[in-house]
C-alpha atoms as a PDB file:
ATOM      1  CA  MET A   1     -54.440  13.258 -25.899  1.00  0.00           C
ATOM      2  CA  ASN A   2     -56.519  16.518 -26.005  1.00  0.00           C
ATOM      3  CA  MET A   3     -59.734  14.555 -25.529  1.00  0.00           C
ATOM      4  CA  LYS A   4     -58.274  12.759 -22.518  1.00  0.00           C
ATOM      5  CA  THR A   5     -57.055  16.007 -21.025  1.00  0.00           C
ATOM      6  CA  THR A   6     -60.464  17.544 -21.501  1.00  0.00           C
ATOM      7  CA  TRP A   7     -62.218  14.625 -19.734  1.00  0.00           C
ATOM      8  CA  LEU A   8     -59.698  14.817 -16.877  1.00  0.00           C
ATOM      9  CA  THR A   9     -60.414  18.506 -16.500  1.00  0.00           C
ATOM     10  CA  VAL A  10     -64.129  17.931 -16.476  1.00  0.00           C
ATOM     11  CA  LEU A  11     -63.822  15.178 -13.942  1.00  0.00           C
ATOM     12  CA  TRP A  12     -61.559  17.279 -11.712  1.00  0.00           C
ATOM     13  CA  THR A  13     -63.905  20.275 -11.866  1.00  0.00           C
ATOM     14  CA  ALA A  14     -66.873  18.079 -11.049  1.00  0.00           C
ATOM     15  CA  ALA A  15     -65.055  16.500  -8.094  1.00  0.00           C
ATOM     16  CA  ALA A  16     -63.967  19.890  -6.750  1.00  0.00           C
ATOM     17  CA  THR A  17     -67.482  21.285  -7.098  1.00  0.00           C
ATOM     18  CA  THR A  18     -68.910  18.259  -5.337  1.00  0.00           C
ATOM     19  CA  CYS A  19     -66.448  18.631  -2.436  1.00  0.00           C
ATOM     20  CA  LEU A  20     -67.217  22.334  -2.017  1.00  0.00           C
ATOM     21  CA  ARG A  21     -70.932  21.619  -2.148  1.00  0.00           C
ATOM     22  CA  ALA A  22     -70.545  18.878   0.407  1.00  0.00           C
ATOM     23  CA  GLN A  23     -68.624  21.235   2.687  1.00  0.00           C
ATOM     24  CA  ASP A  24     -71.307  23.914   2.377  1.00  0.00           C
ATOM     25  CA  ILE A  25     -73.960  21.334   3.211  1.00  0.00           C
ATOM     26  CA  ALA A  26     -71.941  20.183   6.262  1.00  0.00           C
ATOM     27  CA  ASN A  27     -71.457  23.720   7.522  1.00  0.00           C
ATOM     28  CA  THR A  28     -75.160  24.501   7.063  1.00  0.00           C
ATOM     29  CA  ALA A  29     -76.075  21.276   8.904  1.00  0.00           C
ATOM     30  CA  THR A  30     -73.708  22.116  11.755  1.00  0.00           C
ATOM     31  CA  GLN A  31     -75.131  25.619  12.075  1.00  0.00           C
ATOM     32  CA  ALA A  32     -78.675  24.295  11.950  1.00  0.00           C
ATOM     33  CA  ALA A  33     -77.872  21.695  14.628  1.00  0.00           C
ATOM     34  CA  ALA A  34     -76.349  24.372  16.866  1.00  0.00           C
ATOM     35  CA  GLU A  35     -79.419  26.558  16.461  1.00  0.00           C
ATOM     36  CA  ALA A  36     -81.717  23.604  17.166  1.00  0.00           C
ATOM     37  CA  THR A  37     -79.853  22.637  20.331  1.00  0.00           C
ATOM     38  CA  GLY A  38     -79.377  26.260  21.445  1.00  0.00           C
ATOM     39  CA  ALA A  39     -75.579  25.950  21.429  1.00  0.00           C
ATOM     40  CA  VAL A  40     -73.619  29.189  21.574  1.00  0.00           C
ATOM     41  CA  PRO A  41     -71.119  29.602  18.657  1.00  0.00           C
ATOM     42  CA  ALA A  42     -67.495  29.643  19.637  1.00  0.00           C
ATOM     43  CA  LEU A  43     -66.059  33.071  20.402  1.00  0.00           C
ATOM     44  CA  THR A  44     -62.745  33.805  18.663  1.00  0.00           C
ATOM     45  CA  MET A  45     -60.196  36.573  19.210  1.00  0.00           C
ATOM     46  CA  THR A  46     -61.325  38.107  15.909  1.00  0.00           C
ATOM     47  CA  ASP A  47     -64.863  38.412  17.273  1.00  0.00           C
ATOM     48  CA  ILE A  48     -63.553  40.034  20.452  1.00  0.00           C
ATOM     49  CA  MET A  49     -61.471  42.499  18.449  1.00  0.00           C
ATOM     50  CA  SER A  50     -64.313  43.449  16.144  1.00  0.00           C
ATOM     51  CA  ARG A  51     -66.856  43.878  18.902  1.00  0.00           C
ATOM     52  CA  GLY A  52     -64.605  45.978  21.129  1.00  0.00           C
ATOM     53  CA  GLY A  53     -64.868  49.114  19.081  1.00  0.00           C
ATOM     54  CA  ASP A  54     -62.321  51.893  19.022  1.00  0.00           C
ATOM     55  CA  ILE A  55     -61.342  51.226  22.630  1.00  0.00           C
ATOM     56  CA  MET A  56     -60.059  47.850  21.638  1.00  0.00           C
ATOM     57  CA  LYS A  57     -57.761  49.481  19.071  1.00  0.00           C
ATOM     58  CA  ILE A  58     -56.171  51.481  21.902  1.00  0.00           C
ATOM     59  CA  LEU A  59     -55.676  48.230  23.849  1.00  0.00           C
ATOM     60  CA  VAL A  60     -53.999  46.676  20.847  1.00  0.00           C
ATOM     61  CA  LEU A  61     -51.588  49.603  20.676  1.00  0.00           C
ATOM     62  CA  LEU A  62     -50.877  49.262  24.376  1.00  0.00           C
ATOM     63  CA  SER A  63     -50.187  45.549  23.996  1.00  0.00           C
ATOM     64  CA  LEU A  64     -47.720  46.277  21.124  1.00  0.00           C
ATOM     65  CA  LEU A  65     -46.069  48.922  23.290  1.00  0.00           C
ATOM     66  CA  ALA A  66     -45.751  46.393  26.108  1.00  0.00           C
ATOM     67  CA  VAL A  67     -44.081  43.868  23.812  1.00  0.00           C
ATOM     68  CA  ALA A  68     -41.686  46.551  22.528  1.00  0.00           C
ATOM     69  CA  LEU A  69     -40.771  47.557  26.049  1.00  0.00           C
ATOM     70  CA  ILE A  70     -40.157  43.932  27.110  1.00  0.00           C
ATOM     71  CA  ILE A  71     -37.871  43.369  24.164  1.00  0.00           C
ATOM     72  CA  PHE A  72     -35.992  46.609  24.944  1.00  0.00           C
ATOM     73  CA  TYR A  73     -35.539  45.604  28.608  1.00  0.00           C
ATOM     74  CA  ILE A  74     -34.279  42.112  27.655  1.00  0.00           C
ATOM     75  CA  LEU A  75     -31.726  43.617  25.334  1.00  0.00           C
ATOM     76  CA  THR A  76     -30.516  46.402  27.686  1.00  0.00           C
ATOM     77  CA  PHE A  77     -30.623  44.704  31.121  1.00  0.00           C
ATOM     78  CA  ARG A  78     -27.653  42.504  30.293  1.00  0.00           C
ATOM     79  CA  ALA A  79     -24.281  42.076  31.861  1.00  0.00           C
ATOM     80  CA  GLY A  80     -22.578  42.939  28.567  1.00  0.00           C
ATOM     81  CA  LEU A  81     -24.069  46.438  28.705  1.00  0.00           C
ATOM     82  CA  LEU A  82     -24.115  47.060  32.436  1.00  0.00           C
ATOM     83  CA  TYR A  83     -20.724  45.691  33.492  1.00  0.00           C
ATOM     84  CA  PRO A  84     -18.786  44.121  30.593  1.00  0.00           C
ATOM     85  CA  LYS A  85     -16.446  41.395  31.839  1.00  0.00           C
ATOM     86  CA  GLN A  86     -13.532  42.501  29.741  1.00  0.00           C
ATOM     87  CA  PHE A  87     -13.841  46.080  30.918  1.00  0.00           C
ATOM     88  CA  ILE A  88     -13.973  45.064  34.550  1.00  0.00           C
ATOM     89  CA  LEU A  89     -10.826  42.941  34.138  1.00  0.00           C
ATOM     90  CA  GLU A  90      -8.913  45.737  32.438  1.00  0.00           C
ATOM     91  CA  ALA A  91     -10.094  48.225  35.037  1.00  0.00           C
ATOM     92  CA  GLN A  92      -8.962  45.927  37.848  1.00  0.00           C
ATOM     93  CA  ASP A  93      -5.549  45.602  36.237  1.00  0.00           C
ATOM     94  CA  ALA A  94      -5.204  49.360  35.886  1.00  0.00           C
ATOM     95  CA  ALA A  95      -6.412  49.883  39.466  1.00  0.00           C
ATOM     96  CA  GLU A  96      -4.048  47.228  40.807  1.00  0.00           C
ATOM     97  CA  ILE A  97      -0.967  49.216  39.654  1.00  0.00           C
ATOM     98  CA  GLY A  98      -2.526  52.570  40.536  1.00  0.00           C
ATOM     99  CA  ASP A  99      -2.585  53.813  36.962  1.00  0.00           C
ATOM    100  CA  LEU A 100      -5.410  56.315  37.255  1.00  0.00           C
ATOM    101  CA  ALA A 101      -4.865  57.830  33.818  1.00  0.00           C
ATOM    102  CA  THR A 102      -5.398  54.480  32.091  1.00  0.00           C
ATOM    103  CA  LEU A 103      -8.354  53.741  34.340  1.00  0.00           C
ATOM    104  CA  ARG A 104     -10.000  57.041  33.368  1.00  0.00           C
ATOM    105  CA  ASP A 105      -9.362  56.451  29.711  1.00  0.00           C
ATOM    106  CA  LEU A 106     -10.905  52.988  29.946  1.00  0.00           C
ATOM    107  CA  CYS A 107     -14.004  54.458  31.566  1.00  0.00           C
ATOM    108  CA  ARG A 108     -14.349  57.210  28.960  1.00  0.00           C
ATOM    109  CA  GLU A 109     -14.015  54.709  26.081  1.00  0.00           C
ATOM    110  CA  ASN A 110     -16.602  52.381  27.593  1.00  0.00           C
ATOM    111  CA  ASN A 111     -20.276  53.331  27.615  1.00  0.00           C
ATOM    112  CA  SER A 112     -21.401  50.839  30.242  1.00  0.00           C
ATOM    113  CA  THR A 113     -23.038  51.700  33.514  1.00  0.00           C
ATOM    114  CA  ALA A 114     -20.063  50.422  35.499  1.00  0.00           C
ATOM    115  CA  ALA A 115     -17.749  52.723  33.533  1.00  0.00           C
ATOM    116  CA  LYS A 116     -19.909  55.733  34.364  1.00  0.00           C
ATOM    117  CA  ILE A 117     -19.925  54.853  38.050  1.00  0.00           C
ATOM    118  CA  ILE A 118     -16.164  54.356  38.266  1.00  0.00           C
ATOM    119  CA  LEU A 119     -15.360  57.483  36.245  1.00  0.00           C
ATOM    120  CA  THR A 120     -17.631  59.640  38.412  1.00  0.00           C
ATOM    121  CA  THR A 121     -16.072  58.089  41.528  1.00  0.00           C
ATOM    122  CA  LEU A 122     -12.580  59.072  40.367  1.00  0.00           C
ATOM    123  CA  GLU A 123     -13.664  62.572  39.332  1.00  0.00           C
ATOM    124  CA  ASN A 124     -14.839  63.239  42.868  1.00  0.00           C
ATOM    125  CA  CYS A 125     -11.189  63.170  44.062  1.00  0.00           C
ATOM    126  CA  PRO A 126      -9.323  65.173  41.410  1.00  0.00           C
ATOM    127  CA  ASP A 127      -7.025  67.172  43.713  1.00  0.00           C
ATOM    128  CA  SER A 128      -6.209  64.565  46.362  1.00  0.00           C
ATOM    129  CA  LYS A 129      -2.630  63.533  46.733  1.00  0.00           C
ATOM    130  CA  SER A 130      -3.835  60.187  48.005  1.00  0.00           C
ATOM    131  CA  LEU A 131      -6.906  58.031  47.510  1.00  0.00           C
ATOM    132  CA  ASP A 132      -9.067  57.603  50.573  1.00  0.00           C
ATOM    133  CA  TYR A 133     -11.122  54.424  50.513  1.00  0.00           C
ATOM    134  CA  GLY A 134     -13.965  55.862  52.567  1.00  0.00           C
ATOM    135  CA  ARG A 135     -14.329  58.974  50.399  1.00  0.00           C
ATOM    136  CA  LEU A 136     -14.204  56.923  47.162  1.00  0.00           C
ATOM    137  CA  ARG A 137     -16.679  54.391  48.560  1.00  0.00           C
ATOM    138  CA  ASP A 138     -19.178  57.140  49.435  1.00  0.00           C
ATOM    139  CA  ALA A 139     -18.795  58.664  45.985  1.00  0.00           C
ATOM    140  CA  MET A 140     -19.276  55.269  44.351  1.00  0.00           C
ATOM    141  CA  GLU A 141     -22.365  54.528  46.462  1.00  0.00           C
ATOM    142  CA  ASP A 142     -23.900  57.876  45.498  1.00  0.00           C
ATOM    143  CA  GLU A 143     -23.299  57.411  41.784  1.00  0.00           C
ATOM    144  CA  GLY A 144     -24.309  53.785  41.928  1.00  0.00           C
ATOM    145  CA  GLY A 145     -27.563  54.744  43.565  1.00  0.00           C
ATOM    146  CA  ARG A 146     -28.215  57.346  40.907  1.00  0.00           C
ATOM    147  CA  GLN A 147     -27.577  54.853  38.072  1.00  0.00           C
ATOM    148  CA  ALA A 148     -29.726  52.254  39.770  1.00  0.00           C
ATOM    149  CA  THR A 149     -32.554  54.816  40.003  1.00  0.00           C
ATOM    150  CA  LEU A 150     -32.259  55.462  36.288  1.00  0.00           C
ATOM    151  CA  LEU A 151     -32.493  51.733  35.553  1.00  0.00           C
ATOM    152  CA  TRP A 152     -35.537  51.324  37.794  1.00  0.00           C
ATOM    153  CA  SER A 153     -37.171  54.349  36.216  1.00  0.00           C
ATOM    154  CA  ARG A 154     -36.910  52.704  32.786  1.00  0.00           C
ATOM    155  CA  LEU A 155     -38.726  49.622  34.106  1.00  0.00           C
ATOM    156  CA  GLN A 156     -41.422  51.799  35.632  1.00  0.00           C
ATOM    157  CA  TYR A 157     -42.951  52.407  32.179  1.00  0.00           C
ATOM    158  CA  LEU A 158     -44.050  48.773  32.027  1.00  0.00           C
ATOM    159  CA  LEU A 159     -45.631  48.978  35.440  1.00  0.00           C
ATOM    160  CA  ASP A 160     -47.471  52.124  34.397  1.00  0.00           C
ATOM    161  CA  LEU A 161     -48.746  50.359  31.284  1.00  0.00           C
ATOM    162  CA  SER A 162     -50.005  47.441  33.379  1.00  0.00           C
ATOM    163  CA  VAL A 163     -52.106  49.857  35.374  1.00  0.00           C
ATOM    164  CA  ILE A 164     -53.331  51.968  32.467  1.00  0.00           C
ATOM    165  CA  ALA A 165     -54.525  49.029  30.365  1.00  0.00           C
ATOM    166  CA  PRO A 166     -57.248  47.834  32.754  1.00  0.00           C
ATOM    167  CA  MET A 167     -58.387  51.455  33.143  1.00  0.00           C
ATOM    168  CA  VAL A 168     -58.738  51.773  29.410  1.00  0.00           C
ATOM    169  CA  GLY A 169     -60.746  48.560  29.462  1.00  0.00           C
ATOM    170  CA  LEU A 170     -62.946  50.044  32.159  1.00  0.00           C
ATOM    171  CA  LEU A 171     -63.442  53.123  29.982  1.00  0.00           C
ATOM    172  CA  GLY A 172     -64.661  50.820  27.243  1.00  0.00           C
ATOM    173  CA  THR A 173     -67.040  49.220  29.723  1.00  0.00           C
ATOM    174  CA  VAL A 174     -68.540  52.582  30.670  1.00  0.00           C
ATOM    175  CA  TRP A 175     -68.779  53.565  26.987  1.00  0.00           C
ATOM    176  CA  GLY A 176     -70.527  50.326  26.171  1.00  0.00           C
ATOM    177  CA  MET A 177     -73.089  50.821  28.935  1.00  0.00           C
ATOM    178  CA  MET A 178     -73.681  54.372  27.726  1.00  0.00           C
ATOM    179  CA  VAL A 179     -74.365  53.013  24.218  1.00  0.00           C
ATOM    180  CA  SER A 180     -76.788  50.455  25.715  1.00  0.00           C
ATOM    181  CA  PHE A 181     -78.763  52.954  27.721  1.00  0.00           C
ATOM    182  CA  SER A 182     -78.746  55.407  24.834  1.00  0.00           C
ATOM    183  CA  GLY A 183     -80.391  52.758  22.671  1.00  0.00           C
ATOM    184  CA  LEU A 184     -83.012  52.067  25.364  1.00  0.00           C
ATOM    185  CA  GLU A 185     -83.906  55.720  25.630  1.00  0.00           C
ATOM    186  CA  SER A 186     -84.420  56.106  21.885  1.00  0.00           C
ATOM    187  CA  GLY A 187     -87.811  55.857  20.217  1.00  0.00           C
ATOM    188  CA  VAL A 188     -87.016  52.724  18.194  1.00  0.00           C
ATOM    189  CA  SER A 189     -88.817  49.446  18.347  1.00  0.00           C
ATOM    190  CA  ILE A 190     -88.363  46.869  21.101  1.00  0.00           C
ATOM    191  CA  ILE A 191     -86.293  44.663  18.768  1.00  0.00           C
ATOM    192  CA  ASN A 192     -83.904  47.447  17.926  1.00  0.00           C
ATOM    193  CA  LYS A 193     -83.611  48.371  21.581  1.00  0.00           C
ATOM    194  CA  ALA A 194     -82.704  44.813  22.395  1.00  0.00           C
ATOM    195  CA  ASP A 195     -80.073  44.830  19.657  1.00  0.00           C
ATOM    196  CA  ALA A 196     -78.666  48.095  20.971  1.00  0.00           C
ATOM    197  CA  LEU A 197     -78.522  46.736  24.501  1.00  0.00           C
ATOM    198  CA  ALA A 198     -76.787  43.567  23.383  1.00  0.00           C
ATOM    199  CA  SER A 199     -74.251  45.471  21.272  1.00  0.00           C
ATOM    200  CA  GLY A 200     -73.370  47.858  24.132  1.00  0.00           C
ATOM    201  CA  VAL A 201     -73.043  45.126  26.670  1.00  0.00           C
ATOM    202  CA  SER A 202     -70.890  43.091  24.269  1.00  0.00           C
ATOM    203  CA  GLN A 203     -68.571  46.033  23.728  1.00  0.00           C
ATOM    204  CA  ALA A 204     -68.381  46.603  27.492  1.00  0.00           C
ATOM    205  CA  MET A 205     -67.446  43.013  28.239  1.00  0.00           C
ATOM    206  CA  ASN A 206     -64.958  42.691  25.397  1.00  0.00           C
ATOM    207  CA  THR A 207     -63.036  45.841  26.303  1.00  0.00           C
ATOM    208  CA  THR A 208     -62.935  44.771  29.944  1.00  0.00           C
ATOM    209  CA  PHE A 209     -61.564  41.416  28.903  1.00  0.00           C
ATOM    210  CA  GLY A 210     -58.935  43.039  26.615  1.00  0.00           C
ATOM    211  CA  GLY A 211     -57.835  45.502  29.272  1.00  0.00           C
ATOM    212  CA  LEU A 212     -57.359  42.743  31.865  1.00  0.00           C
ATOM    213  CA  ILE A 213     -55.447  40.535  29.430  1.00  0.00           C
ATOM    214  CA  VAL A 214     -53.005  43.359  28.576  1.00  0.00           C
ATOM    215  CA  GLY A 215     -52.686  44.394  32.228  1.00  0.00           C
ATOM    216  CA  ILE A 216     -52.042  40.840  33.485  1.00  0.00           C
ATOM    217  CA  PHE A 217     -49.493  40.249  30.713  1.00  0.00           C
ATOM    218  CA  ALA A 218     -47.638  43.539  31.441  1.00  0.00           C
ATOM    219  CA  MET A 219     -47.694  43.019  35.200  1.00  0.00           C
ATOM    220  CA  THR A 220     -46.327  39.475  34.931  1.00  0.00           C
ATOM    221  CA  ALA A 221     -43.557  40.621  32.610  1.00  0.00           C
ATOM    222  CA  TYR A 222     -42.779  43.446  35.012  1.00  0.00           C
ATOM    223  CA  ASP A 223     -42.413  41.073  37.961  1.00  0.00           C
ATOM    224  CA  ILE A 224     -40.018  38.843  35.986  1.00  0.00           C
ATOM    225  CA  LEU A 225     -37.926  41.758  34.726  1.00  0.00           C
ATOM    226  CA  ARG A 226     -37.847  43.302  38.176  1.00  0.00           C
ATOM    227  CA  GLY A 227     -36.176  40.221  39.554  1.00  0.00           C
ATOM    228  CA  ARG A 228     -33.763  40.169  36.650  1.00  0.00           C
ATOM    229  CA  LEU A 229     -32.851  43.829  37.066  1.00  0.00           C
ATOM    230  CA  SER A 230     -32.378  43.351  40.828  1.00  0.00           C
ATOM    231  CA  ARG A 231     -29.880  40.615  40.251  1.00  0.00           C
ATOM    232  CA  GLN A 232     -28.070  42.670  37.616  1.00  0.00           C
ATOM    233  CA  ILE A 233     -27.789  45.689  39.916  1.00  0.00           C
ATOM    234  CA  SER A 234     -26.364  43.531  42.702  1.00  0.00           C
ATOM    235  CA  ALA A 235     -23.791  42.064  40.236  1.00  0.00           C
ATOM    236  CA  LEU A 236     -23.035  45.665  39.023  1.00  0.00           C
ATOM    237  CA  GLU A 237     -22.349  46.771  42.598  1.00  0.00           C
ATOM    238  CA  THR A 238     -20.059  43.778  43.140  1.00  0.00           C
ATOM    239  CA  ALA A 239     -18.122  44.548  39.916  1.00  0.00           C
ATOM    240  CA  CYS A 240     -17.608  48.186  40.767  1.00  0.00           C
ATOM    241  CA  ASN A 241     -16.567  47.429  44.331  1.00  0.00           C
ATOM    242  CA  SER A 242     -13.971  44.955  43.038  1.00  0.00           C
ATOM    243  CA  VAL A 243     -12.299  47.677  41.015  1.00  0.00           C
ATOM    244  CA  LEU A 244     -12.365  50.012  43.991  1.00  0.00           C
ATOM    245  CA  GLN A 245     -10.803  47.382  46.262  1.00  0.00           C
ATOM    246  CA  HIS A 246      -8.021  46.779  43.699  1.00  0.00           C
ATOM    247  CA  LEU A 247      -7.451  50.540  43.628  1.00  0.00           C
ATOM    248  CA  VAL A 248      -7.452  51.115  47.382  1.00  0.00           C
ATOM    249  CA  PRO A 249      -7.201  47.831  49.417  1.00  0.00           C
ATOM    250  CA  VAL A 250      -9.079  48.117  52.688  1.00  0.00           C
ATOM    251  CA  GLY A 251      -6.478  48.395  55.436  1.00  0.00           C
ATOM    252  CA  GLY A 252      -3.666  48.228  52.892  1.00  0.00           C
ATOM    253  CA  GLY A 253      -1.315  50.865  51.558  1.00  0.00           C
ATOM    254  CA  ASN A 254       0.020  53.087  54.342  1.00  0.00           C
ATOM    255  CA  GLY A 255      -2.119  51.459  57.053  1.00  0.00           C
ATOM    256  CA  ASN A 256      -5.126  53.772  56.880  1.00  0.00           C
ATOM    257  CA  GLY A 257      -6.619  52.653  53.567  1.00  0.00           C
ATOM    258  CA  ASN A 258      -4.861  55.185  51.437  1.00  0.00           C
ATOM    259  CA  ARG A 259      -2.675  54.667  48.381  1.00  0.00           C
ATOM    260  CA  PRO A 260      -0.548  57.345  46.714  1.00  0.00           C
ATOM    261  CA  MET A 261      -1.740  58.462  43.291  1.00  0.00           C
ATOM    262  CA  ARG A 262       0.369  57.865  40.183  1.00  0.00           C
END
């Protein structure tokens, strides 16, 4: 049994060595054929990253930041955080019976954008003996506009990143050309000058490519998220107005849009 195991081990080792040797020969033959025909080797993302220099590292950080922002926006620009359905229903019920104390408590307990808008709207009329629809509507529009501005300002970071990334790539382009011309001005041999020129131009092109990729990706994501946020803000406005209309029906109450406070 030991002799058989030994022979199997020898045969397996020989077969593995033969396969590896055959693979090396095939790779060498492929490389030789490419050199003979003048074919350019395939350019991979690893090559682009390695040839981009330190500027490419900055672009990688920007791309990671873009991904983090996109995930953050997807998680925060949701109906469940902006105008929770259950909160809106409870707020409508409290507004329908004119229970302002309960409505204020609901808004204080809820951290959604709709709750902030409704609470600020109610706090603008603390001493009124009756609720005026026009006054409350103006207060709600002001606070709603302020909250919408805050939401849009968050999304602005992604737009800024989509502009900065190509500029960083352009910085890498300028740096690569500086490296190229610096090599040409040195007193080294013609071969070394050619190598320096090729290295600098390669860095310039790779950083330009990287900056454009990050910029296009960030701009595309910004356009998609902008449409999403626009729809969410419209729905937020509708939800807040529904609570206000339950609180002070237009043309209802005493005939002039007012309802006594409870």
